[in-house]
């Protein structure tokens, strides 16, 4: 059964309470005023990580979004992302927690980037445990991955909070 069929059959849930709560922990709850995300070079961001790249509505710094609008757009964005994720996952043994962890990663980096990641490659070959670890760690198991931003001078900077999120994703993925 394909992952899309698992979604249609209700085996995998789009926009599950787990993923929405997880995003709230890492993207923020009650971020109703659009702000410039300093980790994303000032990209206007609102609610649980909604940006102009994901929103069907303009995201303008200083604008206020109601709780209802945040909830509506968050659900839309997460579900759309999960459908794209389902198209790149070929391992039918993926459970909800793995799906939700990969959703969080894709929400943060974009689904095309997540789909092209070493983590998804490993998971698709049946190496779910290794793929989950790859959300936070390089093949050596010691070097953090997906936890860096580029500063104004083009230098990569390690961000402890991003690495904490990657570790939390890896743990959720493996559950």
Protein backbone atom coordinates (compact mmCIF):
# COMPACT_ATOMS: atom_id res chain seq x y z
CA UNK A 1 0.00 0.00 0.00
CA UNK A 2 1.52 3.36 -1.03
CA UNK A 3 1.93 6.10 1.52
CA UNK A 4 -0.77 8.13 -0.24
CA UNK A 5 -3.09 5.13 0.13
CA UNK A 6 -2.14 4.88 3.81
CA UNK A 7 -3.16 8.53 4.16
CA UNK A 8 -6.45 7.95 2.33
CA UNK A 9 -7.12 4.88 4.50
CA UNK A 10 -6.42 6.89 7.65
CA UNK A 11 -3.39 4.81 8.64
CA UNK A 12 -1.22 7.95 8.42
CA UNK A 13 -2.84 11.18 9.53
CA UNK A 14 -2.20 14.50 7.85
CA UNK A 15 -1.63 17.37 10.27
CA UNK A 16 -1.66 15.06 13.29
CA UNK A 17 -1.81 16.49 16.79
CA UNK A 18 1.73 15.22 17.30
CA UNK A 19 3.23 17.13 14.38
CA UNK A 20 1.26 20.31 15.10
CA UNK A 21 2.34 20.22 18.75
CA UNK A 22 5.92 19.49 17.73
CA UNK A 23 5.94 22.45 15.35
CA UNK A 24 4.50 24.64 18.10
CA UNK A 25 7.41 23.68 20.34
CA UNK A 26 10.04 24.53 17.73
CA UNK A 27 8.39 27.19 15.57
CA UNK A 28 6.54 28.95 18.35
CA UNK A 29 3.01 29.15 19.68
CA UNK A 30 1.18 32.44 19.50
CA UNK A 31 3.49 34.04 16.92
CA UNK A 32 0.58 36.02 15.50
CA UNK A 33 2.57 39.07 14.42
CA UNK A 34 4.75 38.58 11.35
CA UNK A 35 8.40 38.95 12.36
CA UNK A 36 11.74 38.81 10.54
CA UNK A 37 13.24 35.39 11.31
CA UNK A 38 16.88 36.16 12.08
CA UNK A 39 17.94 32.54 11.43
CA UNK A 40 16.42 32.78 7.95
CA UNK A 41 18.10 36.07 7.02
CA UNK A 42 15.07 38.15 8.01
CA UNK A 43 12.47 36.07 6.14
CA UNK A 44 9.01 37.27 7.23
CA UNK A 45 7.53 34.48 9.35
CA UNK A 46 4.29 34.02 11.31
CA UNK A 47 2.40 31.40 13.31
CA UNK A 48 4.23 28.04 13.30
CA UNK A 49 6.85 28.90 10.70
CA UNK A 50 4.60 30.14 7.89
CA UNK A 51 6.51 32.16 5.27
CA UNK A 52 5.87 33.59 1.83
CA UNK A 53 7.26 30.34 0.43
CA UNK A 54 4.46 28.32 2.01
CA UNK A 55 1.52 30.67 2.59
CA UNK A 56 -1.27 31.30 0.09
CA UNK A 57 -1.48 34.81 1.62
CA UNK A 58 1.08 37.62 1.77
CA UNK A 59 3.35 37.45 4.83
CA UNK A 60 4.31 41.05 5.66
CA UNK A 61 6.40 42.04 8.68
CA UNK A 62 4.21 43.71 11.28
CA UNK A 63 0.91 42.24 10.05
CA UNK A 64 -1.22 40.50 12.67
CA UNK A 65 -2.79 37.11 11.96
CA UNK A 66 -5.69 35.86 14.09
CA UNK A 67 -5.47 32.50 15.83
CA UNK A 68 -8.11 31.20 13.40
CA UNK A 69 -6.10 32.30 10.36
CA UNK A 70 -2.91 30.80 11.81
CA UNK A 71 -4.66 27.49 12.45
CA UNK A 72 -6.22 27.42 8.97
CA UNK A 73 -2.98 28.22 7.12
CA UNK A 74 -0.85 25.96 9.35
CA UNK A 75 -3.11 22.99 8.60
CA UNK A 76 -3.10 23.79 4.89
CA UNK A 77 0.69 24.20 4.73
CA UNK A 78 1.46 21.10 6.81
CA UNK A 79 -0.98 18.88 4.90
CA UNK A 80 0.30 20.11 1.52
CA UNK A 81 3.86 19.44 2.67
CA UNK A 82 2.95 15.97 3.91
CA UNK A 83 1.40 15.06 0.56
CA UNK A 84 4.64 16.13 -1.15
CA UNK A 85 6.60 14.12 1.42
CA UNK A 86 4.44 11.05 0.77
CA UNK A 87 5.42 11.24 -2.89
CA UNK A 88 9.13 10.92 -2.11
CA UNK A 89 8.87 8.19 0.55
CA UNK A 90 8.91 4.71 -0.91
CA UNK A 91 9.26 2.64 2.26
CA UNK A 92 5.76 1.44 3.12
CA UNK A 93 6.76 0.55 6.70
CA UNK A 94 6.93 4.18 7.83
CA UNK A 95 4.85 4.94 10.89
CA UNK A 96 3.19 8.17 12.02
CA UNK A 97 6.11 9.32 14.20
CA UNK A 98 8.63 8.93 11.37
CA UNK A 99 6.24 10.71 9.01
CA UNK A 100 5.73 13.53 11.52
CA UNK A 101 9.47 13.94 12.19
CA UNK A 102 10.20 14.17 8.47
CA UNK A 103 7.30 16.63 8.17
CA UNK A 104 8.94 18.88 10.78
CA UNK A 105 12.26 18.71 8.96
CA UNK A 106 10.60 19.53 5.64
CA UNK A 107 8.61 22.34 7.23
CA UNK A 108 11.90 23.87 8.35
CA UNK A 109 14.00 23.24 5.22
CA UNK A 110 11.45 22.68 2.46
CA UNK A 111 10.16 19.31 1.29
CA UNK A 112 12.41 19.10 -1.79
CA UNK A 113 15.47 19.42 0.47
CA UNK A 114 14.14 16.84 2.93
CA UNK A 115 13.21 14.47 0.11
CA UNK A 116 16.77 14.73 -1.26
CA UNK A 117 18.34 14.18 2.18
CA UNK A 118 20.48 11.28 3.31
CA UNK A 119 17.86 10.62 6.00
CA UNK A 120 15.07 9.97 3.48
CA UNK A 121 17.45 7.95 1.29
CA UNK A 122 18.24 5.64 4.21
CA UNK A 123 14.61 5.37 5.29
CA UNK A 124 13.54 4.51 1.74
CA UNK A 125 16.05 1.63 1.68
CA UNK A 126 14.55 0.22 4.88
CA UNK A 127 17.18 1.63 7.24
CA UNK A 128 14.70 3.60 9.33
CA UNK A 129 16.86 3.76 12.47
CA UNK A 130 19.85 5.03 10.49
CA UNK A 131 17.65 7.47 8.59
CA UNK A 132 16.24 8.85 11.81
CA UNK A 133 19.75 9.38 13.19
CA UNK A 134 20.69 11.13 9.93
CA UNK A 135 18.21 13.90 10.76
CA UNK A 136 20.65 15.10 13.43
CA UNK A 137 24.02 13.48 12.76
CA UNK A 138 26.52 13.02 9.94
CA UNK A 139 27.59 9.47 9.02
CA UNK A 140 30.33 9.62 11.70
CA UNK A 141 27.58 9.85 14.36
CA UNK A 142 29.35 12.79 16.03
CA UNK A 143 29.05 15.77 13.72
CA UNK A 144 25.75 17.67 13.85
CA UNK A 145 23.91 18.24 10.58
CA UNK A 146 21.08 20.58 9.59
CA UNK A 147 22.06 22.87 12.49
CA UNK A 148 23.89 25.68 10.73
CA UNK A 149 22.99 29.04 9.26
CA UNK A 150 25.10 31.20 6.99
CA UNK A 151 25.97 34.63 8.37
CA UNK A 152 26.22 37.84 6.37
CA UNK A 153 29.83 37.04 5.41
CA UNK A 154 29.01 33.60 4.03
CA UNK A 155 30.36 31.70 7.05
CA UNK A 156 28.45 28.77 8.53
CA UNK A 157 27.44 29.24 12.15
CA UNK A 158 26.34 26.37 14.40
CA UNK A 159 23.00 27.07 16.13
CA UNK A 160 22.45 25.06 19.31
CA UNK A 161 18.65 25.47 19.08
CA UNK A 162 18.56 24.08 15.55
CA UNK A 163 20.60 21.09 16.64
CA UNK A 164 18.26 20.53 19.60
CA UNK A 165 15.36 20.48 17.13
CA UNK A 166 17.21 17.99 14.89
CA UNK A 167 17.86 15.72 17.88
CA UNK A 168 14.18 15.95 18.89
CA UNK A 169 13.17 15.08 15.30
CA UNK A 170 15.53 12.10 15.31
CA UNK A 171 14.04 10.88 18.60
CA UNK A 172 10.45 11.31 17.37
CA UNK A 173 11.36 9.61 14.10
CA UNK A 174 12.75 6.53 15.89
CA UNK A 175 9.78 6.14 18.27
